[in-house]
All heavy atoms as atom14 arrays in JSON, in Angstrom:
{
  "sequence": "GTCSYKGNYSISLKLEKGKIHSINPNFKIKNGYILSYIENDTVKNF",
  "atom14_mask": [
    [1, 1, 1, 1, 0, 0, 0, 0, 0, 0, 0, 0, 0, 0],
    [1, 1, 1, 1, 1, 1, 1, 0, 0, 0, 0, 0, 0, 0],
    [1, 1, 1, 1, 1, 1, 0, 0, 0, 0, 0, 0, 0, 0],
    [1, 1, 1, 1, 1, 1, 0, 0, 0, 0, 0, 0, 0, 0],
    [1, 1, 1, 1, 1, 1, 1, 1, 1, 1, 1, 1, 0, 0],
    [1, 1, 1, 1, 1, 1, 1, 1, 1, 0, 0, 0, 0, 0],
    [1, 1, 1, 1, 0, 0, 0, 0, 0, 0, 0, 0, 0, 0],
    [1, 1, 1, 1, 1, 1, 1, 1, 0, 0, 0, 0, 0, 0],
    [1, 1, 1, 1, 1, 1, 1, 1, 1, 1, 1, 1, 0, 0],
    [1, 1, 1, 1, 1, 1, 0, 0, 0, 0, 0, 0, 0, 0],
    [1, 1, 1, 1, 1, 1, 1, 1, 0, 0, 0, 0, 0, 0],
    [1, 1, 1, 1, 1, 1, 0, 0, 0, 0, 0, 0, 0, 0],
    [1, 1, 1, 1, 1, 1, 1, 1, 0, 0, 0, 0, 0, 0],
    [1, 1, 1, 1, 1, 1, 1, 1, 1, 0, 0, 0, 0, 0],
    [1, 1, 1, 1, 1, 1, 1, 1, 0, 0, 0, 0, 0, 0],
    [1, 1, 1, 1, 1, 1, 1, 1, 1, 0, 0, 0, 0, 0],
    [1, 1, 1, 1, 1, 1, 1, 1, 1, 0, 0, 0, 0, 0],
    [1, 1, 1, 1, 0, 0, 0, 0, 0, 0, 0, 0, 0, 0],
    [1, 1, 1, 1, 1, 1, 1, 1, 1, 0, 0, 0, 0, 0],
    [1, 1, 1, 1, 1, 1, 1, 1, 0, 0, 0, 0, 0, 0],
    [1, 1, 1, 1, 1, 1, 1, 1, 1, 1, 0, 0, 0, 0],
    [1, 1, 1, 1, 1, 1, 0, 0, 0, 0, 0, 0, 0, 0],
    [1, 1, 1, 1, 1, 1, 1, 1, 0, 0, 0, 0, 0, 0],
    [1, 1, 1, 1, 1, 1, 1, 1, 0, 0, 0, 0, 0, 0],
    [1, 1, 1, 1, 1, 1, 1, 0, 0, 0, 0, 0, 0, 0],
    [1, 1, 1, 1, 1, 1, 1, 1, 0, 0, 0, 0, 0, 0],
    [1, 1, 1, 1, 1, 1, 1, 1, 1, 1, 1, 0, 0, 0],
    [1, 1, 1, 1, 1, 1, 1, 1, 1, 0, 0, 0, 0, 0],
    [1, 1, 1, 1, 1, 1, 1, 1, 0, 0, 0, 0, 0, 0],
    [1, 1, 1, 1, 1, 1, 1, 1, 1, 0, 0, 0, 0, 0],
    [1, 1, 1, 1, 1, 1, 1, 1, 0, 0, 0, 0, 0, 0],
    [1, 1, 1, 1, 0, 0, 0, 0, 0, 0, 0, 0, 0, 0],
    [1, 1, 1, 1, 1, 1, 1, 1, 1, 1, 1, 1, 0, 0],
    [1, 1, 1, 1, 1, 1, 1, 1, 0, 0, 0, 0, 0, 0],
    [1, 1, 1, 1, 1, 1, 1, 1, 0, 0, 0, 0, 0, 0],
    [1, 1, 1, 1, 1, 1, 0, 0, 0, 0, 0, 0, 0, 0],
    [1, 1, 1, 1, 1, 1, 1, 1, 1, 1, 1, 1, 0, 0],
    [1, 1, 1, 1, 1, 1, 1, 1, 0, 0, 0, 0, 0, 0],
    [1, 1, 1, 1, 1, 1, 1, 1, 1, 0, 0, 0, 0, 0],
    [1, 1, 1, 1, 1, 1, 1, 1, 0, 0, 0, 0, 0, 0],
    [1, 1, 1, 1, 1, 1, 1, 1, 0, 0, 0, 0, 0, 0],
    [1, 1, 1, 1, 1, 1, 1, 0, 0, 0, 0, 0, 0, 0],
    [1, 1, 1, 1, 1, 1, 1, 0, 0, 0, 0, 0, 0, 0],
    [1, 1, 1, 1, 1, 1, 1, 1, 1, 0, 0, 0, 0, 0],
    [1, 1, 1, 1, 1, 1, 1, 1, 0, 0, 0, 0, 0, 0],
    [1, 1, 1, 1, 1, 1, 1, 1, 1, 1, 1, 0, 0, 0]
  ],
  "atom14_positions": [
    [[8.51, -7.12, -14.45], [9.68, -8.01, -14.41], [10.59, -7.74, -13.22], [11.61, -8.37, -13.11], [0.0, 0.0, 0.0], [0.0, 0.0, 0.0], [0.0, 0.0, 0.0], [0.0, 0.0, 0.0], [0.0, 0.0, 0.0], [0.0, 0.0, 0.0], [0.0, 0.0, 0.0], [0.0, 0.0, 0.0], [0.0, 0.0, 0.0], [0.0, 0.0, 0.0]],
    [[10.23, -6.83, -12.37], [11.01, -6.61, -11.17], [10.46, -6.96, -9.77], [11.09, -7.0, -8.77], [11.37, -5.02, -11.09], [10.16, -4.34, -10.89], [12.02, -4.56, -12.38], [0.0, 0.0, 0.0], [0.0, 0.0, 0.0], [0.0, 0.0, 0.0], [0.0, 0.0, 0.0], [0.0, 0.0, 0.0], [0.0, 0.0, 0.0], [0.0, 0.0, 0.0]],
    [[9.14, -7.34, -9.84], [8.45, -7.79, -8.56], [7.71, -9.09, -8.8], [7.34, -9.36, -9.96], [7.58, -6.72, -8.06], [8.31, -5.4, -7.12], [0.0, 0.0, 0.0], [0.0, 0.0, 0.0], [0.0, 0.0, 0.0], [0.0, 0.0, 0.0], [0.0, 0.0, 0.0], [0.0, 0.0, 0.0], [0.0, 0.0, 0.0], [0.0, 0.0, 0.0]],
    [[7.55, -9.79, -7.86], [6.67, -11.01, -7.84], [5.55, -10.79, -6.81], [5.6, -10.06, -5.85], [7.44, -12.29, -7.63], [8.0, -12.2, -6.26], [0.0, 0.0, 0.0], [0.0, 0.0, 0.0], [0.0, 0.0, 0.0], [0.0, 0.0, 0.0], [0.0, 0.0, 0.0], [0.0, 0.0, 0.0], [0.0, 0.0, 0.0], [0.0, 0.0, 0.0]],
    [[4.42, -11.55, -7.07], [3.24, -11.42, -6.13], [3.4, -12.55, -5.15], [3.84, -13.66, -5.39], [1.96, -11.69, -6.98], [1.63, -10.5, -7.92], [1.85, -10.7, -9.31], [1.22, -9.29, -7.48], [1.59, -9.68, -10.16], [0.93, -8.24, -8.32], [1.11, -8.43, -9.67], [0.82, -7.44, -10.56], [0.0, 0.0, 0.0], [0.0, 0.0, 0.0]],
    [[2.87, -12.25, -3.99], [2.83, -13.28, -2.86], [1.49, -13.29, -2.29], [0.83, -12.2, -2.22], [3.83, -12.94, -1.82], [5.28, -12.97, -2.22], [6.19, -12.57, -1.08], [6.21, -13.62, 0.01], [7.13, -13.28, 1.1], [0.0, 0.0, 0.0], [0.0, 0.0, 0.0], [0.0, 0.0, 0.0], [0.0, 0.0, 0.0], [0.0, 0.0, 0.0]],
    [[0.96, -14.42, -1.85], [-0.33, -14.48, -1.21], [-1.5, -14.74, -2.17], [-1.58, -14.01, -3.2], [0.0, 0.0, 0.0], [0.0, 0.0, 0.0], [0.0, 0.0, 0.0], [0.0, 0.0, 0.0], [0.0, 0.0, 0.0], [0.0, 0.0, 0.0], [0.0, 0.0, 0.0], [0.0, 0.0, 0.0], [0.0, 0.0, 0.0], [0.0, 0.0, 0.0]],
    [[-2.3, -15.78, -1.93], [-3.42, -16.06, -2.8], [-4.72, -15.49, -2.3], [-5.73, -15.85, -2.93], [-3.5, -17.61, -2.98], [-2.76, -18.08, -4.19], [-2.95, -17.49, -5.3], [-1.98, -19.05, -4.09], [0.0, 0.0, 0.0], [0.0, 0.0, 0.0], [0.0, 0.0, 0.0], [0.0, 0.0, 0.0], [0.0, 0.0, 0.0], [0.0, 0.0, 0.0]],
    [[-4.69, -14.72, -1.17], [-5.87, -14.22, -0.65], [-5.84, -12.73, -0.59], [-6.89, -12.03, -0.72], [-6.17, -14.78, 0.74], [-6.53, -16.31, 0.69], [-5.49, -17.25, 0.88], [-7.84, -16.7, 0.48], [-5.82, -18.65, 0.84], [-8.08, -18.08, 0.4], [-7.1, -19.0, 0.57], [-7.39, -20.33, 0.47], [0.0, 0.0, 0.0], [0.0, 0.0, 0.0]],
    [[-4.68, -12.06, -0.42], [-4.5, -10.66, -0.47], [-3.2, -10.4, -1.26], [-2.31, -11.26, -1.27], [-4.46, -10.08, 0.85], [-3.39, -10.58, 1.65], [0.0, 0.0, 0.0], [0.0, 0.0, 0.0], [0.0, 0.0, 0.0], [0.0, 0.0, 0.0], [0.0, 0.0, 0.0], [0.0, 0.0, 0.0], [0.0, 0.0, 0.0], [0.0, 0.0, 0.0]],
    [[-3.13, -9.25, -1.82], [-1.97, -8.92, -2.7], [-0.84, -8.33, -1.91], [-0.99, -7.33, -1.18], [-2.38, -7.88, -3.75], [-3.64, -8.36, -4.56], [-1.23, -7.67, -4.73], [-4.11, -7.41, -5.58], [0.0, 0.0, 0.0], [0.0, 0.0, 0.0], [0.0, 0.0, 0.0], [0.0, 0.0, 0.0], [0.0, 0.0, 0.0], [0.0, 0.0, 0.0]],
    [[0.35, -8.96, -1.94], [1.57, -8.34, -1.47], [2.63, -8.54, -2.55], [2.59, -9.4, -3.38], [1.97, -9.01, -0.16], [2.2, -10.36, -0.4], [0.0, 0.0, 0.0], [0.0, 0.0, 0.0], [0.0, 0.0, 0.0], [0.0, 0.0, 0.0], [0.0, 0.0, 0.0], [0.0, 0.0, 0.0], [0.0, 0.0, 0.0], [0.0, 0.0, 0.0]],
    [[3.59, -7.7, -2.52], [4.67, -7.68, -3.49], [6.02, -7.94, -2.94], [6.34, -7.57, -1.78], [4.67, -6.33, -4.17], [3.48, -5.93, -5.01], [3.57, -4.46, -5.47], [3.24, -6.84, -6.17], [0.0, 0.0, 0.0], [0.0, 0.0, 0.0], [0.0, 0.0, 0.0], [0.0, 0.0, 0.0], [0.0, 0.0, 0.0], [0.0, 0.0, 0.0]],
    [[6.89, -8.6, -3.69], [8.25, -8.87, -3.31], [9.19, -8.34, -4.4], [9.07, -8.75, -5.53], [8.51, -10.35, -2.98], [9.97, -10.59, -2.65], [10.23, -12.13, -2.44], [11.7, -12.43, -2.11], [11.95, -13.86, -2.04], [0.0, 0.0, 0.0], [0.0, 0.0, 0.0], [0.0, 0.0, 0.0], [0.0, 0.0, 0.0], [0.0, 0.0, 0.0]],
    [[10.11, -7.34, -4.03], [10.93, -6.86, -5.06], [12.06, -7.92, -5.38], [12.7, -8.52, -4.49], [11.69, -5.61, -4.48], [12.66, -4.9, -5.43], [11.89, -4.33, -6.63], [13.39, -3.75, -4.68], [0.0, 0.0, 0.0], [0.0, 0.0, 0.0], [0.0, 0.0, 0.0], [0.0, 0.0, 0.0], [0.0, 0.0, 0.0], [0.0, 0.0, 0.0]],
    [[12.2, -8.22, -6.68], [13.16, -9.15, -7.21], [14.44, -8.55, -7.76], [15.52, -9.15, -7.77], [12.53, -10.1, -8.13], [11.24, -10.82, -7.65], [11.56, -11.93, -6.7], [12.76, -12.2, -6.45], [10.61, -12.53, -6.14], [0.0, 0.0, 0.0], [0.0, 0.0, 0.0], [0.0, 0.0, 0.0], [0.0, 0.0, 0.0], [0.0, 0.0, 0.0]],
    [[14.22, -7.31, -8.41], [15.33, -6.67, -9.08], [15.37, -5.22, -8.77], [14.3, -4.55, -8.72], [15.19, -6.87, -10.61], [15.29, -8.28, -11.11], [15.07, -8.32, -12.62], [15.06, -9.74, -13.15], [14.76, -9.77, -14.58], [0.0, 0.0, 0.0], [0.0, 0.0, 0.0], [0.0, 0.0, 0.0], [0.0, 0.0, 0.0], [0.0, 0.0, 0.0]],
    [[16.55, -4.72, -8.42], [16.73, -3.34, -8.15], [16.43, -2.85, -6.82], [16.37, -3.6, -5.85], [0.0, 0.0, 0.0], [0.0, 0.0, 0.0], [0.0, 0.0, 0.0], [0.0, 0.0, 0.0], [0.0, 0.0, 0.0], [0.0, 0.0, 0.0], [0.0, 0.0, 0.0], [0.0, 0.0, 0.0], [0.0, 0.0, 0.0], [0.0, 0.0, 0.0]],
    [[16.2, -1.53, -6.64], [15.88, -0.93, -5.34], [14.6, -0.24, -5.4], [13.96, -0.15, -6.44], [17.02, 0.05, -4.96], [18.36, -0.62, -4.81], [19.44, 0.39, -4.5], [20.85, -0.29, -4.31], [21.89, 0.73, -4.0], [0.0, 0.0, 0.0], [0.0, 0.0, 0.0], [0.0, 0.0, 0.0], [0.0, 0.0, 0.0], [0.0, 0.0, 0.0]],
    [[14.17, 0.31, -4.15], [12.86, 0.96, -4.1], [13.07, 2.44, -3.93], [13.78, 2.95, -3.09], [12.09, 0.34, -2.96], [11.84, -1.11, -3.11], [10.73, 1.14, -2.73], [11.19, -1.78, -1.86], [0.0, 0.0, 0.0], [0.0, 0.0, 0.0], [0.0, 0.0, 0.0], [0.0, 0.0, 0.0], [0.0, 0.0, 0.0], [0.0, 0.0, 0.0]],
    [[12.3, 3.21, -4.69], [12.21, 4.64, -4.57], [10.97, 4.99, -3.58], [9.93, 4.36, -3.76], [11.9, 5.37, -5.91], [11.63, 6.82, -5.82], [12.54, 7.72, -5.49], [10.47, 7.44, -6.04], [11.98, 8.95, -5.46], [10.67, 8.78, -5.79], [0.0, 0.0, 0.0], [0.0, 0.0, 0.0], [0.0, 0.0, 0.0], [0.0, 0.0, 0.0]],
    [[11.18, 5.87, -2.68], [10.1, 6.29, -1.74], [9.59, 7.63, -2.12], [10.34, 8.61, -2.31], [10.55, 6.27, -0.32], [10.81, 4.96, 0.14], [0.0, 0.0, 0.0], [0.0, 0.0, 0.0], [0.0, 0.0, 0.0], [0.0, 0.0, 0.0], [0.0, 0.0, 0.0], [0.0, 0.0, 0.0], [0.0, 0.0, 0.0], [0.0, 0.0, 0.0]],
    [[8.23, 7.75, -2.21], [7.62, 9.15, -2.43], [7.4, 9.69, -1.05], [6.78, 9.11, -0.22], [6.33, 8.93, -3.18], [6.57, 8.71, -4.65], [5.46, 10.33, -3.08], [5.36, 8.57, -5.58], [0.0, 0.0, 0.0], [0.0, 0.0, 0.0], [0.0, 0.0, 0.0], [0.0, 0.0, 0.0], [0.0, 0.0, 0.0], [0.0, 0.0, 0.0]],
    [[7.94, 10.86, -0.8], [7.85, 11.58, 0.5], [6.7, 12.57, 0.41], [6.65, 13.38, -0.53], [9.13, 12.17, 0.88], [10.19, 11.21, 1.07], [10.0, 10.24, 1.77], [11.39, 11.48, 0.56], [0.0, 0.0, 0.0], [0.0, 0.0, 0.0], [0.0, 0.0, 0.0], [0.0, 0.0, 0.0], [0.0, 0.0, 0.0], [0.0, 0.0, 0.0]],
    [[5.77, 12.5, 1.43], [4.6, 13.45, 1.34], [5.0, 14.85, 1.8], [4.59, 15.33, 2.76], [3.65, 12.79, 2.3], [4.58, 12.16, 3.33], [5.77, 11.68, 2.5], [0.0, 0.0, 0.0], [0.0, 0.0, 0.0], [0.0, 0.0, 0.0], [0.0, 0.0, 0.0], [0.0, 0.0, 0.0], [0.0, 0.0, 0.0], [0.0, 0.0, 0.0]],
    [[5.83, 15.52, 0.96], [6.36, 16.83, 1.37], [5.48, 17.96, 0.77], [5.84, 19.06, 0.76], [7.82, 17.03, 0.89], [7.93, 16.74, -0.59], [6.98, 16.44, -1.22], [9.18, 16.81, -1.07], [0.0, 0.0, 0.0], [0.0, 0.0, 0.0], [0.0, 0.0, 0.0], [0.0, 0.0, 0.0], [0.0, 0.0, 0.0], [0.0, 0.0, 0.0]],
    [[4.26, 17.49, 0.25], [3.22, 18.51, -0.16], [2.15, 18.46, 0.85], [2.26, 17.85, 1.85], [2.82, 18.31, -1.57], [2.83, 16.88, -2.04], [1.84, 16.0, -1.85], [4.01, 16.36, -2.66], [1.95, 14.74, -2.23], [4.1, 15.05, -3.05], [3.06, 14.24, -2.83], [0.0, 0.0, 0.0], [0.0, 0.0, 0.0], [0.0, 0.0, 0.0]],
    [[1.0, 19.03, 0.58], [-0.12, 19.16, 1.51], [-0.37, 17.79, 2.02], [-0.54, 16.78, 1.29], [-1.31, 19.74, 0.86], [-1.17, 21.21, 0.59], [-2.51, 21.72, 0.03], [-2.42, 23.26, -0.28], [-3.64, 23.84, -0.77], [0.0, 0.0, 0.0], [0.0, 0.0, 0.0], [0.0, 0.0, 0.0], [0.0, 0.0, 0.0], [0.0, 0.0, 0.0]],
    [[-0.56, 17.67, 3.33], [-0.6, 16.34, 4.0], [-1.56, 15.33, 3.45], [-1.34, 14.24, 3.23], [-0.75, 16.56, 5.52], [-0.56, 15.26, 6.3], [-2.12, 17.15, 5.85], [-0.44, 15.4, 7.79], [0.0, 0.0, 0.0], [0.0, 0.0, 0.0], [0.0, 0.0, 0.0], [0.0, 0.0, 0.0], [0.0, 0.0, 0.0], [0.0, 0.0, 0.0]],
    [[-2.76, 15.83, 3.15], [-3.82, 14.94, 2.7], [-3.56, 14.4, 1.32], [-4.07, 13.4, 0.89], [-5.18, 15.5, 2.8], [-6.27, 14.47, 2.74], [-7.62, 15.05, 3.13], [-8.7, 14.05, 3.11], [-10.07, 14.49, 3.44], [0.0, 0.0, 0.0], [0.0, 0.0, 0.0], [0.0, 0.0, 0.0], [0.0, 0.0, 0.0], [0.0, 0.0, 0.0]],
    [[-2.84, 15.19, 0.6], [-2.62, 14.84, -0.87], [-1.38, 14.03, -1.16], [-1.14, 13.64, -2.22], [-2.53, 16.1, -1.72], [-3.84, 16.86, -1.81], [-4.87, 16.31, -1.75], [-3.78, 18.17, -1.96], [0.0, 0.0, 0.0], [0.0, 0.0, 0.0], [0.0, 0.0, 0.0], [0.0, 0.0, 0.0], [0.0, 0.0, 0.0], [0.0, 0.0, 0.0]],
    [[-0.61, 13.7, -0.12], [0.59, 12.96, -0.23], [0.56, 11.52, 0.1], [1.58, 10.84, 0.09], [0.0, 0.0, 0.0], [0.0, 0.0, 0.0], [0.0, 0.0, 0.0], [0.0, 0.0, 0.0], [0.0, 0.0, 0.0], [0.0, 0.0, 0.0], [0.0, 0.0, 0.0], [0.0, 0.0, 0.0], [0.0, 0.0, 0.0], [0.0, 0.0, 0.0]],
    [[-0.67, 11.05, 0.42], [-0.8, 9.65, 0.86], [-1.89, 8.99, 0.13], [-2.8, 9.54, -0.38], [-1.19, 9.65, 2.33], [-0.21, 10.27, 3.34], [-0.17, 11.68, 3.44], [0.58, 9.5, 4.03], [0.75, 12.19, 4.35], [1.57, 10.01, 4.96], [1.61, 11.38, 5.1], [2.46, 11.94, 5.97], [0.0, 0.0, 0.0], [0.0, 0.0, 0.0]],
    [[-1.76, 7.59, 0.07], [-2.92, 6.78, -0.23], [-3.87, 6.97, 0.84], [-3.59, 6.86, 2.05], [-2.59, 5.32, -0.44], [-1.68, 5.09, -1.68], [-3.8, 4.45, -0.53], [-1.23, 3.71, -1.82], [0.0, 0.0, 0.0], [0.0, 0.0, 0.0], [0.0, 0.0, 0.0], [0.0, 0.0, 0.0], [0.0, 0.0, 0.0], [0.0, 0.0, 0.0]],
    [[-5.16, 7.21, 0.59], [-6.16, 7.32, 1.68], [-6.98, 6.06, 1.68], [-7.69, 5.7, 0.74], [-7.08, 8.51, 1.36], [-6.36, 9.91, 1.27], [-7.39, 10.97, 0.95], [-5.57, 10.21, 2.5], [0.0, 0.0, 0.0], [0.0, 0.0, 0.0], [0.0, 0.0, 0.0], [0.0, 0.0, 0.0], [0.0, 0.0, 0.0], [0.0, 0.0, 0.0]],
    [[-6.85, 5.28, 2.8], [-7.61, 4.06, 2.92], [-8.71, 4.22, 3.9], [-8.63, 4.6, 5.02], [-6.64, 2.97, 3.49], [-7.32, 1.77, 3.74], [0.0, 0.0, 0.0], [0.0, 0.0, 0.0], [0.0, 0.0, 0.0], [0.0, 0.0, 0.0], [0.0, 0.0, 0.0], [0.0, 0.0, 0.0], [0.0, 0.0, 0.0], [0.0, 0.0, 0.0]],
    [[-9.96, 3.97, 3.33], [-11.16, 4.25, 4.12], [-11.74, 2.92, 4.67], [-12.0, 1.95, 3.93], [-12.3, 4.99, 3.19], [-11.9, 6.39, 2.93], [-11.03, 6.73, 1.93], [-12.46, 7.45, 3.77], [-10.7, 8.11, 1.77], [-12.15, 8.75, 3.59], [-11.25, 9.03, 2.6], [-10.91, 10.41, 2.37], [0.0, 0.0, 0.0], [0.0, 0.0, 0.0]],
    [[-11.95, 2.9, 5.99], [-12.63, 1.82, 6.58], [-14.08, 2.08, 6.73], [-14.51, 3.07, 7.31], [-11.99, 1.59, 8.03], [-10.49, 1.3, 7.94], [-12.72, 0.46, 8.7], [-9.79, 1.24, 9.33], [0.0, 0.0, 0.0], [0.0, 0.0, 0.0], [0.0, 0.0, 0.0], [0.0, 0.0, 0.0], [0.0, 0.0, 0.0], [0.0, 0.0, 0.0]],
    [[-14.85, 1.25, 6.03], [-16.29, 1.39, 6.02], [-16.91, 0.98, 7.32], [-16.53, -0.09, 7.89], [-16.9, 0.67, 4.83], [-16.5, 1.26, 3.48], [-16.9, 2.69, 3.25], [-18.05, 3.05, 3.61], [-16.03, 3.47, 2.73], [0.0, 0.0, 0.0], [0.0, 0.0, 0.0], [0.0, 0.0, 0.0], [0.0, 0.0, 0.0], [0.0, 0.0, 0.0]],
    [[-17.92, 1.73, 7.84], [-18.55, 1.36, 9.11], [-19.13, 0.04, 9.15], [-19.04, -0.71, 10.16], [-19.65, 2.38, 9.43], [-20.18, 2.3, 10.76], [-19.41, 2.1, 11.69], [-21.45, 2.46, 11.01], [0.0, 0.0, 0.0], [0.0, 0.0, 0.0], [0.0, 0.0, 0.0], [0.0, 0.0, 0.0], [0.0, 0.0, 0.0], [0.0, 0.0, 0.0]],
    [[-19.68, -0.54, 8.06], [-20.37, -1.79, 8.11], [-19.38, -2.93, 7.93], [-19.78, -4.15, 7.97], [-21.49, -1.86, 7.0], [-20.95, -1.59, 5.61], [-19.76, -1.31, 5.49], [-21.78, -1.72, 4.69], [0.0, 0.0, 0.0], [0.0, 0.0, 0.0], [0.0, 0.0, 0.0], [0.0, 0.0, 0.0], [0.0, 0.0, 0.0], [0.0, 0.0, 0.0]],
    [[-18.1, -2.67, 7.73], [-17.13, -3.84, 7.68], [-16.26, -3.9, 8.8], [-15.39, -4.77, 8.85], [-16.3, -3.63, 6.37], [-15.51, -2.47, 6.51], [-17.13, -3.5, 5.07], [0.0, 0.0, 0.0], [0.0, 0.0, 0.0], [0.0, 0.0, 0.0], [0.0, 0.0, 0.0], [0.0, 0.0, 0.0], [0.0, 0.0, 0.0], [0.0, 0.0, 0.0]],
    [[-16.37, -2.97, 9.77], [-15.5, -2.93, 10.89], [-15.98, -3.96, 12.02], [-17.13, -3.99, 12.33], [-15.49, -1.55, 11.51], [-14.57, -1.57, 12.85], [-14.85, -0.54, 10.54], [0.0, 0.0, 0.0], [0.0, 0.0, 0.0], [0.0, 0.0, 0.0], [0.0, 0.0, 0.0], [0.0, 0.0, 0.0], [0.0, 0.0, 0.0], [0.0, 0.0, 0.0]],
    [[-15.03, -4.76, 12.44], [-15.28, -5.71, 13.55], [-14.19, -5.62, 14.59], [-13.01, -5.44, 14.19], [-15.3, -7.17, 12.97], [-16.5, -7.45, 11.97], [-16.35, -8.82, 11.41], [-17.46, -9.08, 10.41], [-17.41, -10.48, 9.86], [0.0, 0.0, 0.0], [0.0, 0.0, 0.0], [0.0, 0.0, 0.0], [0.0, 0.0, 0.0], [0.0, 0.0, 0.0]],
    [[-14.59, -5.67, 15.84], [-13.64, -5.65, 16.92], [-12.7, -4.41, 16.84], [-11.55, -4.56, 16.96], [-12.77, -6.91, 16.98], [-13.66, -8.18, 17.08], [-14.6, -8.14, 17.83], [-13.27, -9.23, 16.4], [0.0, 0.0, 0.0], [0.0, 0.0, 0.0], [0.0, 0.0, 0.0], [0.0, 0.0, 0.0], [0.0, 0.0, 0.0], [0.0, 0.0, 0.0]],
    [[-13.35, -3.24, 16.58], [-12.54, -2.04, 16.36], [-12.41, -1.21, 17.6], [-11.73, -0.15, 17.53], [-13.29, -1.25, 15.26], [-12.31, -0.47, 14.39], [-11.34, -1.04, 13.7], [-12.53, 0.89, 14.22], [-10.47, -0.31, 12.92], [-11.71, 1.66, 13.52], [-10.66, 1.04, 12.78], [0.0, 0.0, 0.0], [0.0, 0.0, 0.0], [0.0, 0.0, 0.0]]
  ]
}
């Protein structure tokens, strides 16, 4: 009830109510982030 979706091809969010809390990666560097993996067979013009 606080965000709405935008985009019919990829997911993005728009906050409608309240404010945003940020998680700070103040623990071990690799464990504090979403890890996004780019696969070799999907990379173009890289």
